[in-house]
Amino acid sequence: MTENESPNQISEAIASNIRSLRKSRKMSMGDVAEVTGVSKSMLGQIERGESSPTISTLSKISTGLNIPFAALLETKEKGTMITGRNDITPITGDDTGFRLYPFFPLKASRSFELFDAEIDGNVESDNLPRESNTEGFIIVFQGTLELTLNGTDLYLIHSGSSISFRADQKHTFRNPDDELCRFCLVINYRKQ
């Protein structure tokens, strides 16, 4: 991020992207509320930049509008940039115990998105399936991450380990320990 860019760039991008999508599809706020399950008042607050949506809310919007989650986060890049973690507004879970820092959101020019993620001790975050043929890759840097796929298959990933999985299925992240868990999450949108 450059000196001239706001730390709230992601929030501003979310507001702009939802408004643009809604208008390009000639949808009213009520139409979007109906297909996403997010109230008209919440959608209005997000579009006006008065509210930072949670991961769950963004997932509902992306699923309802049938777009990649990362399309809501897309910002305009300006050539070569260095971005610090403090320059990024995290996307939080419903209880803020789960935070995603979108270092490389999905762009038309690339087929992946990369997040620095952290989850507080004994916190769980449900994630809706991504679009078809989507892959997830995780490297745990600190603590232990529990990944549950489709509510049945449980995997423990310890610090220094990685896992790849199909992200087009329901997946849950959980920190089974008391200490913070930090990991890198890459979502790859394979071409159909």
N, C-alpha and C. Protein backbone atom coordinates (compact mmCIF):
# COMPACT_ATOMS: atom_id res chain seq x y z
N MET A 1 0.84 -1.17 0.00
CA MET A 1 0.00 0.00 0.00
C MET A 1 0.89 1.23 0.00
N THR A 2 0.53 2.23 -0.75
CA THR A 2 1.33 3.44 -0.81
C THR A 2 0.87 4.42 0.26
N GLU A 3 1.64 5.51 0.44
CA GLU A 3 1.31 6.51 1.45
C GLU A 3 -0.05 7.15 1.22
N ASN A 4 -0.47 7.25 -0.02
CA ASN A 4 -1.72 7.93 -0.34
C ASN A 4 -2.96 7.07 -0.17
N GLU A 5 -2.78 5.79 0.11
CA GLU A 5 -3.93 4.90 0.21
C GLU A 5 -4.42 4.81 1.65
N SER A 6 -5.71 4.67 1.81
CA SER A 6 -6.34 4.61 3.12
C SER A 6 -6.26 3.20 3.71
N PRO A 7 -6.10 3.09 5.05
CA PRO A 7 -6.12 1.77 5.68
C PRO A 7 -7.48 1.09 5.51
N ASN A 8 -8.50 1.87 5.17
CA ASN A 8 -9.84 1.30 4.98
C ASN A 8 -10.11 0.97 3.53
N GLN A 9 -9.06 0.78 2.74
CA GLN A 9 -9.20 0.52 1.31
C GLN A 9 -10.09 -0.69 1.04
N ILE A 10 -9.95 -1.75 1.82
CA ILE A 10 -10.75 -2.96 1.61
C ILE A 10 -12.22 -2.67 1.88
N SER A 11 -12.53 -1.97 2.99
CA SER A 11 -13.93 -1.63 3.29
C SER A 11 -14.54 -0.79 2.17
N GLU A 12 -13.75 0.16 1.67
CA GLU A 12 -14.22 1.00 0.57
C GLU A 12 -14.43 0.17 -0.70
N ALA A 13 -13.53 -0.79 -0.94
CA ALA A 13 -13.64 -1.66 -2.11
C ALA A 13 -14.90 -2.53 -2.01
N ILE A 14 -15.16 -3.08 -0.82
CA ILE A 14 -16.35 -3.91 -0.62
C ILE A 14 -17.60 -3.10 -0.94
N ALA A 15 -17.69 -1.88 -0.39
CA ALA A 15 -18.85 -1.02 -0.63
C ALA A 15 -19.02 -0.74 -2.12
N SER A 16 -17.94 -0.37 -2.78
CA SER A 16 -17.99 -0.05 -4.20
C SER A 16 -18.34 -1.27 -5.05
N ASN A 17 -17.75 -2.42 -4.72
CA ASN A 17 -17.99 -3.63 -5.52
C ASN A 17 -19.43 -4.12 -5.39
N ILE A 18 -19.99 -4.08 -4.19
CA ILE A 18 -21.39 -4.51 -4.02
C ILE A 18 -22.31 -3.56 -4.78
N ARG A 19 -22.08 -2.26 -4.63
CA ARG A 19 -22.91 -1.27 -5.33
C ARG A 19 -22.82 -1.47 -6.85
N SER A 20 -21.60 -1.66 -7.36
CA SER A 20 -21.41 -1.84 -8.81
C SER A 20 -22.08 -3.12 -9.30
N LEU A 21 -21.91 -4.21 -8.56
CA LEU A 21 -22.54 -5.47 -8.95
C LEU A 21 -24.06 -5.34 -8.98
N ARG A 22 -24.60 -4.73 -7.93
CA ARG A 22 -26.05 -4.57 -7.84
C ARG A 22 -26.58 -3.74 -9.01
N LYS A 23 -25.91 -2.65 -9.31
CA LYS A 23 -26.36 -1.77 -10.39
C LYS A 23 -26.18 -2.41 -11.76
N SER A 24 -25.06 -3.11 -11.96
CA SER A 24 -24.82 -3.74 -13.27
C SER A 24 -25.83 -4.85 -13.54
N ARG A 25 -26.33 -5.45 -12.50
CA ARG A 25 -27.35 -6.51 -12.66
C ARG A 25 -28.77 -5.96 -12.57
N LYS A 26 -28.86 -4.64 -12.43
CA LYS A 26 -30.15 -3.96 -12.33
C LYS A 26 -31.01 -4.55 -11.20
N MET A 27 -30.36 -4.74 -10.05
CA MET A 27 -31.03 -5.29 -8.88
C MET A 27 -31.27 -4.18 -7.86
N SER A 28 -32.42 -4.23 -7.22
CA SER A 28 -32.68 -3.30 -6.12
C SER A 28 -32.02 -3.86 -4.87
N MET A 29 -31.96 -3.05 -3.83
CA MET A 29 -31.44 -3.51 -2.55
C MET A 29 -32.29 -4.68 -2.05
N GLY A 30 -33.60 -4.63 -2.29
CA GLY A 30 -34.50 -5.72 -1.89
C GLY A 30 -34.19 -7.01 -2.64
N ASP A 31 -33.88 -6.89 -3.93
CA ASP A 31 -33.53 -8.08 -4.73
C ASP A 31 -32.28 -8.75 -4.16
N VAL A 32 -31.27 -7.95 -3.83
CA VAL A 32 -30.02 -8.49 -3.28
C VAL A 32 -30.29 -9.12 -1.91
N ALA A 33 -31.10 -8.45 -1.11
CA ALA A 33 -31.43 -9.00 0.21
C ALA A 33 -32.12 -10.36 0.08
N GLU A 34 -33.00 -10.46 -0.90
CA GLU A 34 -33.74 -11.71 -1.10
C GLU A 34 -32.83 -12.88 -1.48
N VAL A 35 -31.87 -12.66 -2.38
CA VAL A 35 -31.01 -13.76 -2.84
C VAL A 35 -29.86 -14.05 -1.88
N THR A 36 -29.53 -13.10 -1.02
CA THR A 36 -28.38 -13.30 -0.13
C THR A 36 -28.77 -13.63 1.31
N GLY A 37 -29.97 -13.25 1.72
CA GLY A 37 -30.35 -13.44 3.12
C GLY A 37 -29.79 -12.37 4.04
N VAL A 38 -29.21 -11.31 3.46
CA VAL A 38 -28.69 -10.17 4.23
C VAL A 38 -29.73 -9.06 4.14
N SER A 39 -30.07 -8.46 5.27
CA SER A 39 -31.14 -7.46 5.28
C SER A 39 -30.80 -6.24 4.42
N LYS A 40 -31.87 -5.58 3.94
CA LYS A 40 -31.69 -4.36 3.14
C LYS A 40 -30.95 -3.30 3.94
N SER A 41 -31.27 -3.17 5.22
CA SER A 41 -30.60 -2.14 6.02
C SER A 41 -29.11 -2.42 6.17
N MET A 42 -28.75 -3.70 6.35
CA MET A 42 -27.32 -4.05 6.45
C MET A 42 -26.62 -3.80 5.12
N LEU A 43 -27.25 -4.20 4.01
CA LEU A 43 -26.67 -3.96 2.69
C LEU A 43 -26.46 -2.46 2.45
N GLY A 44 -27.43 -1.65 2.86
CA GLY A 44 -27.30 -0.21 2.72
C GLY A 44 -26.14 0.34 3.53
N GLN A 45 -26.00 -0.14 4.77
CA GLN A 45 -24.89 0.30 5.61
C GLN A 45 -23.54 -0.08 5.00
N ILE A 46 -23.46 -1.28 4.43
CA ILE A 46 -22.22 -1.74 3.80
C ILE A 46 -21.90 -0.88 2.58
N GLU A 47 -22.91 -0.65 1.73
CA GLU A 47 -22.70 0.16 0.52
C GLU A 47 -22.30 1.60 0.83
N ARG A 48 -22.78 2.12 1.95
CA ARG A 48 -22.43 3.50 2.33
C ARG A 48 -21.13 3.55 3.13
N GLY A 49 -20.54 2.40 3.41
CA GLY A 49 -19.30 2.34 4.17
C GLY A 49 -19.49 2.59 5.65
N GLU A 50 -20.71 2.42 6.14
CA GLU A 50 -21.01 2.65 7.55
C GLU A 50 -20.81 1.40 8.40
N SER A 51 -20.65 0.24 7.75
CA SER A 51 -20.49 -1.02 8.46
C SER A 51 -19.47 -1.89 7.74
N SER A 52 -18.60 -2.52 8.51
CA SER A 52 -17.65 -3.49 7.94
C SER A 52 -18.26 -4.87 8.08
N PRO A 53 -18.58 -5.53 6.96
CA PRO A 53 -19.25 -6.82 7.04
C PRO A 53 -18.33 -7.92 7.58
N THR A 54 -18.94 -8.90 8.24
CA THR A 54 -18.20 -10.05 8.74
C THR A 54 -17.95 -11.04 7.60
N ILE A 55 -17.13 -12.02 7.85
CA ILE A 55 -16.86 -13.08 6.87
C ILE A 55 -18.16 -13.78 6.51
N SER A 56 -18.98 -14.04 7.50
CA SER A 56 -20.26 -14.72 7.27
C SER A 56 -21.16 -13.90 6.33
N THR A 57 -21.22 -12.61 6.56
CA THR A 57 -22.05 -11.74 5.72
C THR A 57 -21.50 -11.69 4.29
N LEU A 58 -20.18 -11.56 4.15
CA LEU A 58 -19.58 -11.55 2.82
C LEU A 58 -19.81 -12.89 2.11
N SER A 59 -19.76 -13.98 2.85
CA SER A 59 -20.02 -15.30 2.25
C SER A 59 -21.45 -15.40 1.75
N LYS A 60 -22.39 -14.89 2.52
CA LYS A 60 -23.80 -14.90 2.09
C LYS A 60 -23.98 -14.07 0.81
N ILE A 61 -23.33 -12.91 0.78
CA ILE A 61 -23.45 -12.04 -0.40
C ILE A 61 -22.83 -12.71 -1.62
N SER A 62 -21.62 -13.25 -1.47
CA SER A 62 -20.96 -13.87 -2.63
C SER A 62 -21.72 -15.10 -3.11
N THR A 63 -22.24 -15.90 -2.18
CA THR A 63 -23.01 -17.08 -2.56
C THR A 63 -24.31 -16.68 -3.24
N GLY A 64 -25.01 -15.71 -2.66
CA GLY A 64 -26.29 -15.26 -3.23
C GLY A 64 -26.15 -14.65 -4.60
N LEU A 65 -25.04 -13.93 -4.82
CA LEU A 65 -24.81 -13.30 -6.12
C LEU A 65 -24.02 -14.20 -7.07
N ASN A 66 -23.65 -15.38 -6.58
CA ASN A 66 -22.93 -16.38 -7.38
C ASN A 66 -21.63 -15.81 -7.96
N ILE A 67 -20.83 -15.22 -7.06
CA ILE A 67 -19.53 -14.67 -7.44
C ILE A 67 -18.49 -15.18 -6.44
N PRO A 68 -17.22 -15.18 -6.82
CA PRO A 68 -16.18 -15.55 -5.85
C PRO A 68 -16.17 -14.58 -4.67
N PHE A 69 -15.95 -15.10 -3.50
CA PHE A 69 -15.83 -14.29 -2.28
C PHE A 69 -14.89 -13.11 -2.50
N ALA A 70 -13.76 -13.40 -3.11
CA ALA A 70 -12.72 -12.38 -3.30
C ALA A 70 -13.13 -11.26 -4.25
N ALA A 71 -14.14 -11.50 -5.10
CA ALA A 71 -14.58 -10.44 -6.01
C ALA A 71 -15.11 -9.25 -5.22
N LEU A 72 -15.58 -9.49 -4.01
CA LEU A 72 -16.07 -8.40 -3.17
C LEU A 72 -14.93 -7.57 -2.59
N LEU A 73 -13.73 -8.14 -2.56
CA LEU A 73 -12.58 -7.48 -1.96
C LEU A 73 -11.68 -6.79 -2.99
N GLU A 74 -11.96 -6.98 -4.25
CA GLU A 74 -11.06 -6.52 -5.31
C GLU A 74 -10.86 -5.01 -5.27
N THR A 75 -9.59 -4.63 -5.31
CA THR A 75 -9.22 -3.21 -5.36
C THR A 75 -8.37 -2.99 -6.60
N LYS A 76 -8.22 -1.75 -6.95
CA LYS A 76 -7.38 -1.42 -8.10
C LYS A 76 -5.93 -1.31 -7.61
N GLU A 77 -5.04 -2.10 -8.22
CA GLU A 77 -3.63 -2.06 -7.85
C GLU A 77 -2.90 -1.06 -8.73
N LYS A 78 -1.85 -0.49 -8.18
CA LYS A 78 -1.08 0.51 -8.89
C LYS A 78 0.35 0.01 -9.06
N GLY A 79 0.60 -0.85 -10.03
CA GLY A 79 1.96 -1.33 -10.31
C GLY A 79 2.54 -2.09 -9.14
N THR A 80 3.78 -1.83 -8.84
CA THR A 80 4.49 -2.49 -7.76
C THR A 80 4.12 -1.83 -6.43
N MET A 81 3.75 -2.65 -5.46
CA MET A 81 3.33 -2.12 -4.16
C MET A 81 3.90 -2.99 -3.05
N ILE A 82 4.24 -2.36 -1.95
CA ILE A 82 4.56 -3.08 -0.72
C ILE A 82 3.42 -2.80 0.23
N THR A 83 2.86 -3.85 0.79
CA THR A 83 1.74 -3.72 1.71
C THR A 83 2.12 -4.32 3.05
N GLY A 84 1.97 -3.56 4.11
CA GLY A 84 2.21 -4.06 5.46
C GLY A 84 0.91 -4.54 6.09
N ARG A 85 1.03 -5.44 7.02
CA ARG A 85 -0.16 -5.98 7.69
C ARG A 85 -0.99 -4.87 8.32
N ASN A 86 -0.34 -3.84 8.85
CA ASN A 86 -1.06 -2.73 9.48
C ASN A 86 -1.80 -1.87 8.46
N ASP A 87 -1.51 -2.05 7.17
CA ASP A 87 -2.19 -1.31 6.12
C ASP A 87 -3.51 -1.96 5.71
N ILE A 88 -3.76 -3.17 6.21
CA ILE A 88 -4.92 -3.95 5.76
C ILE A 88 -5.96 -4.00 6.86
N THR A 89 -7.20 -3.68 6.51
CA THR A 89 -8.31 -3.85 7.43
C THR A 89 -8.73 -5.31 7.38
N PRO A 90 -8.65 -6.02 8.52
CA PRO A 90 -9.00 -7.44 8.49
C PRO A 90 -10.49 -7.65 8.32
N ILE A 91 -10.82 -8.77 7.71
CA ILE A 91 -12.20 -9.23 7.62
C ILE A 91 -12.37 -10.15 8.82
N THR A 92 -13.40 -9.92 9.61
CA THR A 92 -13.54 -10.69 10.84
C THR A 92 -14.70 -11.67 10.77
N GLY A 93 -14.63 -12.68 11.63
CA GLY A 93 -15.73 -13.60 11.80
C GLY A 93 -16.82 -12.92 12.62
N ASP A 94 -17.91 -13.62 12.87
CA ASP A 94 -19.03 -13.03 13.60
C ASP A 94 -18.64 -12.56 14.99
N ASP A 95 -17.70 -13.25 15.65
CA ASP A 95 -17.32 -12.86 17.00
C ASP A 95 -15.96 -12.18 17.04
N THR A 96 -15.40 -11.84 15.90
CA THR A 96 -14.09 -11.20 15.72
C THR A 96 -12.93 -12.04 16.22
N GLY A 97 -13.15 -13.28 16.61
CA GLY A 97 -12.07 -14.16 17.03
C GLY A 97 -11.34 -14.78 15.85
N PHE A 98 -11.84 -14.55 14.64
CA PHE A 98 -11.22 -15.05 13.42
C PHE A 98 -11.02 -13.86 12.49
N ARG A 99 -9.78 -13.65 12.04
CA ARG A 99 -9.45 -12.50 11.21
C ARG A 99 -8.70 -12.92 9.97
N LEU A 100 -9.14 -12.41 8.83
CA LEU A 100 -8.47 -12.65 7.55
C LEU A 100 -7.90 -11.31 7.06
N TYR A 101 -6.61 -11.32 6.74
CA TYR A 101 -5.95 -10.15 6.18
C TYR A 101 -5.72 -10.43 4.70
N PRO A 102 -6.52 -9.83 3.81
CA PRO A 102 -6.41 -10.12 2.37
C PRO A 102 -5.20 -9.41 1.74
N PHE A 103 -4.05 -10.08 1.76
CA PHE A 103 -2.85 -9.50 1.16
C PHE A 103 -2.97 -9.48 -0.36
N PHE A 104 -3.50 -10.55 -0.95
CA PHE A 104 -3.66 -10.62 -2.40
C PHE A 104 -5.07 -11.09 -2.73
N PRO A 105 -6.04 -10.16 -2.76
CA PRO A 105 -7.41 -10.55 -3.13
C PRO A 105 -7.46 -10.98 -4.60
N LEU A 106 -8.47 -11.71 -4.94
CA LEU A 106 -8.66 -12.18 -6.31
C LEU A 106 -8.79 -11.00 -7.26
N LYS A 107 -8.12 -11.09 -8.37
CA LYS A 107 -8.18 -10.07 -9.43
C LYS A 107 -8.47 -10.78 -10.74
N ALA A 108 -8.93 -10.03 -11.70
CA ALA A 108 -9.17 -10.62 -13.02
C ALA A 108 -7.89 -11.17 -13.62
N SER A 109 -6.75 -10.61 -13.22
CA SER A 109 -5.47 -11.01 -13.80
C SER A 109 -4.81 -12.21 -13.09
N ARG A 110 -5.42 -12.70 -12.00
CA ARG A 110 -4.85 -13.88 -11.33
C ARG A 110 -5.96 -14.79 -10.84
N SER A 111 -5.63 -16.06 -10.65
CA SER A 111 -6.65 -17.05 -10.31
C SER A 111 -6.58 -17.50 -8.85
N PHE A 112 -5.94 -16.70 -7.99
CA PHE A 112 -5.83 -17.08 -6.58
C PHE A 112 -6.02 -15.86 -5.70
N GLU A 113 -6.26 -16.14 -4.43
CA GLU A 113 -6.25 -15.10 -3.41
C GLU A 113 -5.45 -15.63 -2.23
N LEU A 114 -4.76 -14.72 -1.51
CA LEU A 114 -3.90 -15.13 -0.41
C LEU A 114 -4.22 -14.29 0.82
N PHE A 115 -4.45 -14.99 1.94
CA PHE A 115 -4.79 -14.34 3.19
C PHE A 115 -3.80 -14.73 4.28
N ASP A 116 -3.46 -13.78 5.12
CA ASP A 116 -2.80 -14.05 6.39
C ASP A 116 -3.97 -14.18 7.36
N ALA A 117 -4.06 -15.30 8.07
CA ALA A 117 -5.22 -15.54 8.92
C ALA A 117 -4.79 -15.82 10.35
N GLU A 118 -5.65 -15.44 11.27
CA GLU A 118 -5.41 -15.77 12.67
C GLU A 118 -6.74 -16.06 13.33
N ILE A 119 -6.68 -17.01 14.26
CA ILE A 119 -7.88 -17.42 14.97
C ILE A 119 -7.51 -17.55 16.44
N ASP A 120 -8.27 -16.88 17.28
CA ASP A 120 -8.01 -16.89 18.71
C ASP A 120 -8.26 -18.28 19.29
N GLY A 121 -7.74 -18.48 20.48
CA GLY A 121 -7.90 -19.77 21.15
C GLY A 121 -9.36 -20.14 21.35
N ASN A 122 -9.66 -21.42 21.08
CA ASN A 122 -11.00 -22.00 21.27
C ASN A 122 -12.09 -21.28 20.48
N VAL A 123 -11.74 -20.78 19.30
CA VAL A 123 -12.70 -20.10 18.42
C VAL A 123 -12.90 -20.95 17.18
N GLU A 124 -14.12 -20.94 16.66
CA GLU A 124 -14.48 -21.70 15.45
C GLU A 124 -15.12 -20.76 14.45
N SER A 125 -14.86 -21.01 13.16
CA SER A 125 -15.44 -20.20 12.10
C SER A 125 -15.91 -21.11 10.97
N ASP A 126 -17.20 -21.08 10.69
CA ASP A 126 -17.76 -21.84 9.56
C ASP A 126 -17.57 -21.06 8.28
N ASN A 127 -17.24 -21.78 7.20
CA ASN A 127 -17.04 -21.15 5.90
C ASN A 127 -17.89 -21.86 4.87
N LEU A 128 -18.62 -21.09 4.10
CA LEU A 128 -19.44 -21.66 3.05
C LEU A 128 -18.56 -22.16 1.92
N PRO A 129 -19.04 -23.11 1.15
CA PRO A 129 -18.25 -23.60 0.01
C PRO A 129 -17.96 -22.49 -0.99
N ARG A 130 -16.79 -22.53 -1.58
CA ARG A 130 -16.44 -21.62 -2.67
C ARG A 130 -17.02 -22.20 -3.96
N GLU A 131 -16.77 -21.53 -5.07
CA GLU A 131 -17.31 -22.02 -6.34
C GLU A 131 -16.69 -23.37 -6.71
N SER A 132 -17.30 -24.05 -7.65
CA SER A 132 -16.88 -25.38 -8.08
C SER A 132 -15.42 -25.40 -8.53
N ASN A 133 -14.73 -26.49 -8.23
CA ASN A 133 -13.32 -26.72 -8.60
C ASN A 133 -12.34 -25.78 -7.90
N THR A 134 -12.70 -25.26 -6.77
CA THR A 134 -11.82 -24.37 -6.02
C THR A 134 -10.99 -25.18 -5.04
N GLU A 135 -9.69 -24.85 -4.95
CA GLU A 135 -8.79 -25.54 -4.03
C GLU A 135 -8.36 -24.59 -2.93
N GLY A 136 -8.13 -25.15 -1.74
CA GLY A 136 -7.60 -24.38 -0.62
C GLY A 136 -6.26 -24.95 -0.21
N PHE A 137 -5.36 -24.07 0.20
CA PHE A 137 -4.03 -24.46 0.66
C PHE A 137 -3.75 -23.70 1.95
N ILE A 138 -3.30 -24.41 2.97
CA ILE A 138 -3.03 -23.79 4.27
C ILE A 138 -1.64 -24.19 4.73
N ILE A 139 -0.91 -23.22 5.27
CA ILE A 139 0.35 -23.47 5.97
C ILE A 139 0.18 -22.84 7.35
N VAL A 140 0.34 -23.65 8.40
CA VAL A 140 0.21 -23.15 9.77
C VAL A 140 1.59 -22.70 10.26
N PHE A 141 1.66 -21.47 10.74
CA PHE A 141 2.92 -20.91 11.24
C PHE A 141 3.01 -20.89 12.76
N GLN A 142 1.85 -20.87 13.42
CA GLN A 142 1.83 -20.80 14.88
C GLN A 142 0.60 -21.52 15.39
N GLY A 143 0.76 -22.40 16.36
CA GLY A 143 -0.37 -23.08 16.97
C GLY A 143 -0.83 -24.29 16.17
N THR A 144 -2.07 -24.66 16.40
CA THR A 144 -2.68 -25.81 15.74
C THR A 144 -4.02 -25.38 15.16
N LEU A 145 -4.30 -25.80 13.94
CA LEU A 145 -5.57 -25.50 13.28
C LEU A 145 -6.31 -26.81 13.06
N GLU A 146 -7.59 -26.80 13.38
CA GLU A 146 -8.46 -27.94 13.13
C GLU A 146 -9.33 -27.58 11.93
N LEU A 147 -9.28 -28.41 10.90
CA LEU A 147 -10.08 -28.19 9.69
C LEU A 147 -11.09 -29.32 9.58
N THR A 148 -12.37 -28.97 9.51
CA THR A 148 -13.43 -29.96 9.31
C THR A 148 -14.05 -29.72 7.95
N LEU A 149 -14.13 -30.77 7.14
CA LEU A 149 -14.71 -30.68 5.80
C LEU A 149 -16.06 -31.40 5.79
N ASN A 150 -17.07 -30.74 5.26
CA ASN A 150 -18.43 -31.27 5.16
C ASN A 150 -18.98 -31.77 6.49
N GLY A 151 -18.50 -31.20 7.59
CA GLY A 151 -19.01 -31.53 8.90
C GLY A 151 -18.59 -32.89 9.42
N THR A 152 -17.78 -33.65 8.67
CA THR A 152 -17.43 -35.00 9.10
C THR A 152 -15.94 -35.31 9.13
N ASP A 153 -15.20 -34.85 8.16
CA ASP A 153 -13.76 -35.19 8.06
C ASP A 153 -12.94 -34.15 8.82
N LEU A 154 -12.24 -34.59 9.87
CA LEU A 154 -11.48 -33.70 10.74
C LEU A 154 -9.98 -33.88 10.53
N TYR A 155 -9.28 -32.74 10.37
CA TYR A 155 -7.82 -32.76 10.18
C TYR A 155 -7.19 -31.78 11.16
N LEU A 156 -6.11 -32.19 11.82
CA LEU A 156 -5.32 -31.32 12.69
C LEU A 156 -4.05 -30.94 11.96
N ILE A 157 -3.81 -29.64 11.82
CA ILE A 157 -2.61 -29.16 11.14
C ILE A 157 -1.80 -28.37 12.17
N HIS A 158 -0.61 -28.86 12.48
CA HIS A 158 0.24 -28.25 13.50
C HIS A 158 1.20 -27.26 12.86
N SER A 159 1.77 -26.40 13.68
CA SER A 159 2.74 -25.41 13.23
C SER A 159 3.84 -26.08 12.41
N GLY A 160 4.14 -25.51 11.24
CA GLY A 160 5.14 -26.06 10.34
C GLY A 160 4.59 -27.08 9.37
N SER A 161 3.27 -27.31 9.40
CA SER A 161 2.64 -28.28 8.49
C SER A 161 1.66 -27.57 7.56
N SER A 162 1.27 -28.29 6.52
CA SER A 162 0.35 -27.72 5.53
C SER A 162 -0.71 -28.74 5.16
N ILE A 163 -1.74 -28.26 4.49
CA ILE A 163 -2.81 -29.13 3.99
C ILE A 163 -3.38 -28.50 2.73
N SER A 164 -3.81 -29.33 1.80
CA SER A 164 -4.57 -28.86 0.64
C SER A 164 -5.93 -29.55 0.70
N PHE A 165 -6.96 -28.88 0.22
CA PHE A 165 -8.32 -29.42 0.30
C PHE A 165 -9.20 -28.79 -0.76
N ARG A 166 -10.31 -29.45 -1.04
CA ARG A 166 -11.31 -28.89 -1.95
C ARG A 166 -12.08 -27.82 -1.19
N ALA A 167 -12.02 -26.59 -1.65
CA ALA A 167 -12.69 -25.48 -0.97
C ALA A 167 -14.12 -25.30 -1.46
N ASP A 168 -14.56 -26.17 -2.40
CA ASP A 168 -15.93 -26.08 -2.89
C ASP A 168 -16.87 -26.93 -2.05
N GLN A 169 -16.47 -27.19 -0.81
CA GLN A 169 -17.30 -27.89 0.16
C GLN A 169 -17.29 -27.07 1.46
N LYS A 170 -18.30 -27.28 2.30
CA LYS A 170 -18.34 -26.56 3.56
C LYS A 170 -17.09 -26.90 4.36
N HIS A 171 -16.46 -25.88 4.93
CA HIS A 171 -15.27 -26.12 5.74
C HIS A 171 -15.29 -25.22 6.97
N THR A 172 -14.81 -25.78 8.06
CA THR A 172 -14.80 -25.08 9.34
C THR A 172 -13.38 -25.02 9.87
N PHE A 173 -12.97 -23.83 10.28
CA PHE A 173 -11.67 -23.65 10.92
C PHE A 173 -11.92 -23.54 12.43
N ARG A 174 -11.09 -24.22 13.22
CA ARG A 174 -11.22 -24.14 14.68
C ARG A 174 -9.83 -24.18 15.29
N ASN A 175 -9.63 -23.36 16.29
CA ASN A 175 -8.39 -23.40 17.07
C ASN A 175 -8.71 -24.17 18.34
N PRO A 176 -8.19 -25.40 18.48
CA PRO A 176 -8.51 -26.22 19.65
C PRO A 176 -7.72 -25.84 20.90
N ASP A 177 -6.76 -24.94 20.77
CA ASP A 177 -5.89 -24.57 21.88
C ASP A 177 -6.28 -23.22 22.47
N ASP A 178 -5.61 -22.85 23.56
CA ASP A 178 -5.86 -21.55 24.20
C ASP A 178 -5.07 -20.42 23.54
N GLU A 179 -3.98 -20.77 22.83
CA GLU A 179 -3.10 -19.78 22.23
C GLU A 179 -3.55 -19.45 20.80
N LEU A 180 -3.13 -18.30 20.31
CA LEU A 180 -3.43 -17.85 18.95
C LEU A 180 -2.89 -18.83 17.91
N CYS A 181 -3.63 -19.04 16.84
CA CYS A 181 -3.17 -19.83 15.69
C CYS A 181 -3.07 -18.87 14.50
N ARG A 182 -1.89 -18.87 13.83
CA ARG A 182 -1.69 -18.05 12.63
C ARG A 182 -1.38 -18.96 11.47
N PHE A 183 -1.99 -18.66 10.32
CA PHE A 183 -1.75 -19.48 9.14
C PHE A 183 -1.95 -18.67 7.87
N CYS A 184 -1.41 -19.19 6.80
CA CYS A 184 -1.57 -18.61 5.47
C CYS A 184 -2.63 -19.43 4.75
N LEU A 185 -3.60 -18.77 4.15
CA LEU A 185 -4.66 -19.44 3.40
C LEU A 185 -4.61 -18.95 1.96
N VAL A 186 -4.46 -19.88 1.03
CA VAL A 186 -4.49 -19.56 -0.40
C VAL A 186 -5.71 -20.27 -0.99
N ILE A 187 -6.51 -19.54 -1.73
CA ILE A 187 -7.64 -20.12 -2.45
C ILE A 187 -7.32 -20.00 -3.94
N ASN A 188 -7.33 -21.15 -4.63
CA ASN A 188 -7.03 -21.18 -6.06
C ASN A 188 -8.31 -21.50 -6.82
N TYR A 189 -8.67 -20.60 -7.72
CA TYR A 189 -9.86 -20.77 -8.55
C TYR A 189 -9.41 -21.34 -9.88
N ARG A 190 -9.50 -22.67 -9.99
CA ARG A 190 -9.03 -23.34 -11.23
C ARG A 190 -9.95 -22.99 -12.37
N LYS A 191 -9.36 -22.86 -13.53
CA LYS A 191 -10.16 -22.59 -14.73
C LYS A 191 -10.97 -23.84 -15.06
N GLN A 192 -12.23 -23.62 -15.43
CA GLN A 192 -13.14 -24.74 -15.76
C GLN A 192 -12.79 -25.35 -17.07
